[in-house]
Amino acid sequence: MGRPVTDERGLLERFCLEGFSVRPLLVTILRKRENFRAAFACFDPEHVARFGKRDVERLLLDAGIVRQPRQDRGSDRQCPRHASRWREAGTPLVELVWGHHPRKIRAAPKGLRDLPATTPESNALRRS
């Protein structure tokens, strides 16, 4: 059973790793987790938000992580930038995410087919 993530770095790490797992299986990403931590400054939001072109080039050459050259590599830095802005505005990322926690308990899925792709809470968080 999973454990709740209740710190900003942990949430940013999960968001970034999830973003990299679009094509490869998540297990591949998780096996390279330590390499991702090193490449992304332990997911320190202030540090990653300041990544520039050189950092993007460095990441694209880093064989220790899954590299997915896209037209817009800036998306890897957007979440940390937003996290900093939300914190400055008085709503830390942790509060924002946990504020969208489901209010009622749902029945446990019986299998993968029973897992919804989205929920009302995930859609609300996406719009935040």
N, C-alpha and C. Protein backbone atom coordinates (compact mmCIF):
# COMPACT_ATOMS: atom_id res chain seq x y z
N MET A 1 0.84 -1.18 0.00
CA MET A 1 0.00 0.00 0.00
C MET A 1 0.89 1.24 0.00
N GLY A 2 0.49 2.24 -0.75
CA GLY A 2 1.27 3.47 -0.84
C GLY A 2 1.17 4.31 0.41
N ARG A 3 2.13 5.20 0.54
CA ARG A 3 2.14 6.13 1.66
C ARG A 3 1.89 7.53 1.12
N PRO A 4 1.14 8.33 1.87
CA PRO A 4 0.88 9.69 1.40
C PRO A 4 2.18 10.51 1.32
N VAL A 5 2.30 11.31 0.31
CA VAL A 5 3.44 12.22 0.16
C VAL A 5 2.98 13.58 0.65
N THR A 6 3.66 14.10 1.66
CA THR A 6 3.18 15.33 2.28
C THR A 6 4.22 16.45 2.30
N ASP A 7 5.24 16.35 1.45
CA ASP A 7 6.21 17.43 1.37
C ASP A 7 6.37 17.88 -0.08
N GLU A 8 6.76 19.12 -0.25
CA GLU A 8 6.82 19.72 -1.58
C GLU A 8 7.79 18.99 -2.51
N ARG A 9 8.98 18.68 -2.03
CA ARG A 9 9.96 17.99 -2.88
C ARG A 9 9.42 16.63 -3.32
N GLY A 10 8.81 15.92 -2.39
CA GLY A 10 8.26 14.60 -2.71
C GLY A 10 7.18 14.69 -3.77
N LEU A 11 6.31 15.69 -3.65
CA LEU A 11 5.25 15.86 -4.65
C LEU A 11 5.84 16.23 -6.01
N LEU A 12 6.81 17.16 -6.00
CA LEU A 12 7.43 17.54 -7.27
C LEU A 12 8.12 16.36 -7.92
N GLU A 13 8.79 15.55 -7.11
CA GLU A 13 9.43 14.36 -7.65
C GLU A 13 8.41 13.46 -8.32
N ARG A 14 7.29 13.20 -7.65
CA ARG A 14 6.26 12.32 -8.23
C ARG A 14 5.70 12.91 -9.51
N PHE A 15 5.43 14.22 -9.51
CA PHE A 15 4.89 14.86 -10.72
C PHE A 15 5.88 14.75 -11.88
N CYS A 16 7.15 15.05 -11.60
CA CYS A 16 8.16 14.99 -12.67
C CYS A 16 8.35 13.57 -13.18
N LEU A 17 8.46 12.61 -12.26
CA LEU A 17 8.65 11.23 -12.69
C LEU A 17 7.44 10.74 -13.47
N GLU A 18 6.27 11.12 -13.04
CA GLU A 18 5.05 10.73 -13.77
C GLU A 18 5.07 11.31 -15.18
N GLY A 19 5.56 12.54 -15.30
CA GLY A 19 5.66 13.18 -16.61
C GLY A 19 6.61 12.45 -17.54
N PHE A 20 7.68 11.88 -16.98
CA PHE A 20 8.62 11.13 -17.80
C PHE A 20 8.11 9.75 -18.16
N SER A 21 7.09 9.28 -17.47
CA SER A 21 6.63 7.90 -17.70
C SER A 21 5.52 7.80 -18.74
N VAL A 22 5.36 8.82 -19.57
CA VAL A 22 4.33 8.79 -20.60
C VAL A 22 4.54 7.61 -21.53
N ARG A 23 5.74 7.41 -22.01
CA ARG A 23 6.02 6.31 -22.94
C ARG A 23 6.51 5.06 -22.22
N PRO A 24 7.64 5.14 -21.50
CA PRO A 24 8.12 3.91 -20.86
C PRO A 24 7.25 3.55 -19.66
N LEU A 25 7.39 2.34 -19.25
CA LEU A 25 6.66 1.90 -18.06
C LEU A 25 7.18 2.64 -16.83
N LEU A 26 6.29 2.88 -15.90
CA LEU A 26 6.67 3.59 -14.68
C LEU A 26 7.79 2.85 -13.95
N VAL A 27 7.80 1.53 -14.01
CA VAL A 27 8.84 0.77 -13.32
C VAL A 27 10.23 1.14 -13.86
N THR A 28 10.33 1.43 -15.15
CA THR A 28 11.61 1.86 -15.74
C THR A 28 12.04 3.19 -15.12
N ILE A 29 11.10 4.09 -14.98
CA ILE A 29 11.38 5.40 -14.38
C ILE A 29 11.82 5.21 -12.93
N LEU A 30 11.09 4.38 -12.20
CA LEU A 30 11.40 4.19 -10.78
C LEU A 30 12.78 3.55 -10.58
N ARG A 31 13.19 2.70 -11.49
CA ARG A 31 14.53 2.10 -11.40
C ARG A 31 15.62 3.15 -11.56
N LYS A 32 15.31 4.22 -12.25
CA LYS A 32 16.28 5.29 -12.48
C LYS A 32 16.06 6.48 -11.54
N ARG A 33 15.27 6.28 -10.51
CA ARG A 33 14.87 7.35 -9.61
C ARG A 33 16.07 8.11 -9.02
N GLU A 34 17.10 7.40 -8.56
CA GLU A 34 18.27 8.07 -7.99
C GLU A 34 18.98 8.92 -9.02
N ASN A 35 19.04 8.45 -10.26
CA ASN A 35 19.65 9.24 -11.33
C ASN A 35 18.83 10.50 -11.60
N PHE A 36 17.51 10.37 -11.57
CA PHE A 36 16.64 11.54 -11.74
C PHE A 36 16.87 12.53 -10.61
N ARG A 37 16.98 12.03 -9.39
CA ARG A 37 17.22 12.92 -8.25
C ARG A 37 18.51 13.71 -8.44
N ALA A 38 19.56 13.02 -8.88
CA ALA A 38 20.84 13.71 -9.11
C ALA A 38 20.71 14.72 -10.24
N ALA A 39 20.07 14.34 -11.33
CA ALA A 39 19.94 15.21 -12.49
C ALA A 39 19.07 16.43 -12.20
N PHE A 40 18.08 16.27 -11.34
CA PHE A 40 17.12 17.34 -11.06
C PHE A 40 17.32 17.95 -9.67
N ALA A 41 18.56 17.98 -9.18
CA ALA A 41 18.91 18.66 -7.93
C ALA A 41 17.99 18.24 -6.79
N CYS A 42 17.77 16.95 -6.67
CA CYS A 42 16.88 16.39 -5.62
C CYS A 42 15.49 17.02 -5.66
N PHE A 43 15.09 17.48 -6.82
CA PHE A 43 13.77 18.08 -7.03
C PHE A 43 13.54 19.30 -6.14
N ASP A 44 14.60 20.02 -5.87
CA ASP A 44 14.49 21.28 -5.13
C ASP A 44 13.77 22.26 -6.04
N PRO A 45 12.57 22.70 -5.66
CA PRO A 45 11.78 23.53 -6.57
C PRO A 45 12.47 24.83 -6.99
N GLU A 46 13.19 25.47 -6.07
CA GLU A 46 13.86 26.73 -6.41
C GLU A 46 14.98 26.48 -7.43
N HIS A 47 15.72 25.42 -7.23
CA HIS A 47 16.84 25.10 -8.11
C HIS A 47 16.33 24.70 -9.50
N VAL A 48 15.38 23.78 -9.56
CA VAL A 48 14.88 23.29 -10.85
C VAL A 48 14.17 24.41 -11.62
N ALA A 49 13.49 25.28 -10.92
CA ALA A 49 12.79 26.38 -11.59
C ALA A 49 13.77 27.30 -12.32
N ARG A 50 15.03 27.32 -11.87
CA ARG A 50 16.03 28.17 -12.52
C ARG A 50 16.80 27.45 -13.64
N PHE A 51 16.47 26.20 -13.92
CA PHE A 51 17.15 25.48 -15.00
C PHE A 51 17.00 26.27 -16.29
N GLY A 52 18.09 26.36 -17.02
CA GLY A 52 18.08 27.06 -18.30
C GLY A 52 18.42 26.12 -19.44
N LYS A 53 18.77 26.72 -20.58
CA LYS A 53 19.08 25.94 -21.78
C LYS A 53 20.21 24.94 -21.55
N ARG A 54 21.25 25.38 -20.85
CA ARG A 54 22.38 24.49 -20.58
C ARG A 54 21.95 23.26 -19.79
N ASP A 55 21.10 23.49 -18.80
CA ASP A 55 20.61 22.37 -17.99
C ASP A 55 19.78 21.41 -18.85
N VAL A 56 18.97 21.94 -19.72
CA VAL A 56 18.15 21.10 -20.60
C VAL A 56 19.07 20.27 -21.50
N GLU A 57 20.11 20.90 -22.04
CA GLU A 57 21.07 20.18 -22.88
C GLU A 57 21.77 19.09 -22.07
N ARG A 58 22.13 19.41 -20.82
CA ARG A 58 22.77 18.42 -19.95
C ARG A 58 21.84 17.24 -19.71
N LEU A 59 20.57 17.52 -19.47
CA LEU A 59 19.60 16.44 -19.24
C LEU A 59 19.43 15.56 -20.48
N LEU A 60 19.44 16.18 -21.64
CA LEU A 60 19.27 15.41 -22.88
C LEU A 60 20.47 14.50 -23.15
N LEU A 61 21.61 14.80 -22.56
CA LEU A 61 22.80 13.98 -22.74
C LEU A 61 23.01 12.98 -21.60
N ASP A 62 22.20 13.07 -20.57
CA ASP A 62 22.36 12.22 -19.38
C ASP A 62 21.77 10.83 -19.64
N ALA A 63 22.65 9.85 -19.81
CA ALA A 63 22.20 8.48 -20.10
C ALA A 63 21.61 7.80 -18.87
N GLY A 64 21.75 8.40 -17.70
CA GLY A 64 21.23 7.80 -16.47
C GLY A 64 19.74 8.01 -16.27
N ILE A 65 19.15 8.90 -17.07
CA ILE A 65 17.71 9.14 -16.96
C ILE A 65 17.06 8.78 -18.29
N VAL A 66 15.75 8.72 -18.28
CA VAL A 66 15.02 8.50 -19.53
C VAL A 66 14.94 9.84 -20.22
N ARG A 67 15.46 9.89 -21.42
CA ARG A 67 15.48 11.15 -22.16
C ARG A 67 14.42 11.10 -23.25
N GLN A 68 13.57 12.07 -23.24
CA GLN A 68 12.51 12.15 -24.25
C GLN A 68 12.56 13.53 -24.88
N PRO A 69 13.39 13.69 -25.88
CA PRO A 69 13.46 15.02 -26.50
C PRO A 69 12.09 15.41 -27.03
N ARG A 70 11.61 16.53 -26.57
CA ARG A 70 10.33 17.06 -27.03
C ARG A 70 10.58 18.48 -27.51
N GLN A 71 9.65 19.01 -28.22
CA GLN A 71 9.82 20.39 -28.66
C GLN A 71 9.87 21.31 -27.45
N ASP A 72 9.07 21.04 -26.44
CA ASP A 72 9.03 21.91 -25.27
C ASP A 72 9.56 21.19 -24.04
N ARG A 73 10.87 21.24 -23.82
CA ARG A 73 11.44 20.61 -22.63
C ARG A 73 11.16 21.48 -21.40
N GLY A 74 10.68 22.68 -21.61
CA GLY A 74 10.41 23.58 -20.50
C GLY A 74 9.35 23.05 -19.55
N SER A 75 8.52 22.13 -20.00
CA SER A 75 7.46 21.62 -19.13
C SER A 75 8.02 20.94 -17.90
N ASP A 76 9.26 20.41 -17.97
CA ASP A 76 9.88 19.79 -16.81
C ASP A 76 10.17 20.81 -15.72
N ARG A 77 10.25 22.07 -16.10
CA ARG A 77 10.55 23.13 -15.13
C ARG A 77 9.31 23.91 -14.71
N GLN A 78 8.19 23.68 -15.39
CA GLN A 78 7.00 24.47 -15.09
C GLN A 78 6.43 24.18 -13.71
N CYS A 79 6.36 22.90 -13.33
CA CYS A 79 5.78 22.56 -12.04
C CYS A 79 6.56 23.21 -10.88
N PRO A 80 7.91 23.14 -10.88
CA PRO A 80 8.63 23.84 -9.81
C PRO A 80 8.40 25.35 -9.82
N ARG A 81 8.30 25.93 -11.01
CA ARG A 81 8.04 27.37 -11.08
C ARG A 81 6.66 27.70 -10.52
N HIS A 82 5.68 26.90 -10.88
CA HIS A 82 4.34 27.11 -10.34
C HIS A 82 4.32 26.90 -8.84
N ALA A 83 5.03 25.89 -8.37
CA ALA A 83 5.08 25.62 -6.92
C ALA A 83 5.62 26.83 -6.18
N SER A 84 6.65 27.46 -6.72
CA SER A 84 7.21 28.66 -6.09
C SER A 84 6.19 29.80 -6.08
N ARG A 85 5.50 29.98 -7.18
CA ARG A 85 4.49 31.05 -7.27
C ARG A 85 3.34 30.80 -6.29
N TRP A 86 2.87 29.54 -6.22
CA TRP A 86 1.77 29.24 -5.30
C TRP A 86 2.19 29.49 -3.86
N ARG A 87 3.43 29.09 -3.53
CA ARG A 87 3.93 29.29 -2.17
C ARG A 87 3.98 30.79 -1.84
N GLU A 88 4.52 31.58 -2.78
CA GLU A 88 4.60 33.03 -2.58
C GLU A 88 3.22 33.66 -2.45
N ALA A 89 2.23 33.08 -3.14
CA ALA A 89 0.86 33.60 -3.09
C ALA A 89 0.12 33.11 -1.85
N GLY A 90 0.76 32.26 -1.05
CA GLY A 90 0.15 31.83 0.19
C GLY A 90 -0.50 30.46 0.16
N THR A 91 -0.38 29.73 -0.96
CA THR A 91 -0.94 28.38 -1.05
C THR A 91 0.17 27.42 -1.47
N PRO A 92 0.88 26.84 -0.52
CA PRO A 92 1.94 25.89 -0.88
C PRO A 92 1.39 24.71 -1.68
N LEU A 93 2.25 24.11 -2.48
CA LEU A 93 1.86 22.99 -3.33
C LEU A 93 1.20 21.88 -2.52
N VAL A 94 1.74 21.59 -1.35
CA VAL A 94 1.18 20.53 -0.51
C VAL A 94 -0.27 20.84 -0.16
N GLU A 95 -0.54 22.08 0.22
CA GLU A 95 -1.92 22.48 0.54
C GLU A 95 -2.81 22.37 -0.69
N LEU A 96 -2.30 22.81 -1.83
CA LEU A 96 -3.08 22.78 -3.06
C LEU A 96 -3.46 21.34 -3.41
N VAL A 97 -2.48 20.44 -3.39
CA VAL A 97 -2.74 19.05 -3.75
C VAL A 97 -3.67 18.39 -2.74
N TRP A 98 -3.34 18.49 -1.46
CA TRP A 98 -4.14 17.81 -0.44
C TRP A 98 -5.51 18.45 -0.26
N GLY A 99 -5.66 19.68 -0.73
CA GLY A 99 -6.97 20.33 -0.71
C GLY A 99 -7.94 19.70 -1.69
N HIS A 100 -7.41 18.89 -2.62
CA HIS A 100 -8.25 18.20 -3.60
C HIS A 100 -8.41 16.72 -3.28
N HIS A 101 -8.06 16.35 -2.08
CA HIS A 101 -8.21 14.96 -1.64
C HIS A 101 -9.69 14.59 -1.66
N PRO A 102 -10.03 13.39 -2.13
CA PRO A 102 -11.46 13.01 -2.17
C PRO A 102 -12.11 13.09 -0.79
N ARG A 103 -13.28 13.64 -0.75
CA ARG A 103 -14.02 13.81 0.51
C ARG A 103 -14.69 12.51 0.95
N LYS A 104 -15.06 11.69 -0.02
CA LYS A 104 -15.69 10.43 0.36
C LYS A 104 -14.84 9.26 -0.12
N ILE A 105 -14.88 8.21 0.64
CA ILE A 105 -14.10 7.02 0.31
C ILE A 105 -14.82 6.23 -0.77
N ARG A 106 -14.06 5.86 -1.80
CA ARG A 106 -14.63 5.08 -2.89
C ARG A 106 -14.29 3.61 -2.67
N ALA A 107 -15.09 2.76 -3.25
CA ALA A 107 -14.81 1.32 -3.17
C ALA A 107 -13.49 1.03 -3.89
N ALA A 108 -12.71 0.12 -3.33
CA ALA A 108 -11.44 -0.26 -3.95
C ALA A 108 -11.71 -0.91 -5.30
N PRO A 109 -10.90 -0.57 -6.31
CA PRO A 109 -11.10 -1.20 -7.62
C PRO A 109 -10.79 -2.69 -7.56
N LYS A 110 -11.53 -3.45 -8.33
CA LYS A 110 -11.32 -4.90 -8.36
C LYS A 110 -10.20 -5.27 -9.33
N GLY A 111 -9.93 -4.41 -10.27
CA GLY A 111 -8.88 -4.66 -11.25
C GLY A 111 -8.52 -3.37 -11.97
N LEU A 112 -7.55 -3.45 -12.88
CA LEU A 112 -7.11 -2.26 -13.61
C LEU A 112 -8.23 -1.61 -14.42
N ARG A 113 -9.15 -2.41 -14.91
CA ARG A 113 -10.26 -1.86 -15.69
C ARG A 113 -11.19 -0.99 -14.84
N ASP A 114 -11.15 -1.19 -13.55
CA ASP A 114 -12.00 -0.41 -12.64
C ASP A 114 -11.36 0.90 -12.20
N LEU A 115 -10.11 1.12 -12.58
CA LEU A 115 -9.42 2.36 -12.20
C LEU A 115 -9.83 3.48 -13.16
N PRO A 116 -10.37 4.56 -12.65
CA PRO A 116 -10.74 5.65 -13.54
C PRO A 116 -9.51 6.41 -14.03
N ALA A 117 -9.56 6.89 -15.25
CA ALA A 117 -8.46 7.68 -15.80
C ALA A 117 -8.41 9.04 -15.11
N THR A 118 -9.57 9.55 -14.75
CA THR A 118 -9.66 10.83 -14.04
C THR A 118 -10.74 10.71 -12.98
N THR A 119 -10.70 11.64 -12.06
CA THR A 119 -11.74 11.75 -11.04
C THR A 119 -12.14 13.22 -10.98
N PRO A 120 -13.26 13.53 -10.36
CA PRO A 120 -13.60 14.96 -10.21
C PRO A 120 -12.49 15.74 -9.49
N GLU A 121 -11.84 15.09 -8.51
CA GLU A 121 -10.78 15.76 -7.75
C GLU A 121 -9.54 15.98 -8.62
N SER A 122 -9.18 14.99 -9.44
CA SER A 122 -8.00 15.15 -10.29
C SER A 122 -8.25 16.23 -11.36
N ASN A 123 -9.47 16.29 -11.86
CA ASN A 123 -9.79 17.35 -12.84
C ASN A 123 -9.74 18.73 -12.19
N ALA A 124 -10.23 18.84 -10.97
CA ALA A 124 -10.19 20.13 -10.27
C ALA A 124 -8.75 20.54 -9.99
N LEU A 125 -7.91 19.59 -9.60
CA LEU A 125 -6.50 19.90 -9.36
C LEU A 125 -5.81 20.33 -10.64
N ARG A 126 -6.11 19.67 -11.73
CA ARG A 126 -5.51 20.02 -13.02
C ARG A 126 -5.84 21.45 -13.41
N ARG A 127 -7.02 21.90 -13.08
CA ARG A 127 -7.46 23.26 -13.41
C ARG A 127 -6.89 24.30 -12.47
N SER A 128 -6.32 23.88 -11.35
CA SER A 128 -5.79 24.83 -10.34
C SER A 128 -4.57 25.57 -10.83
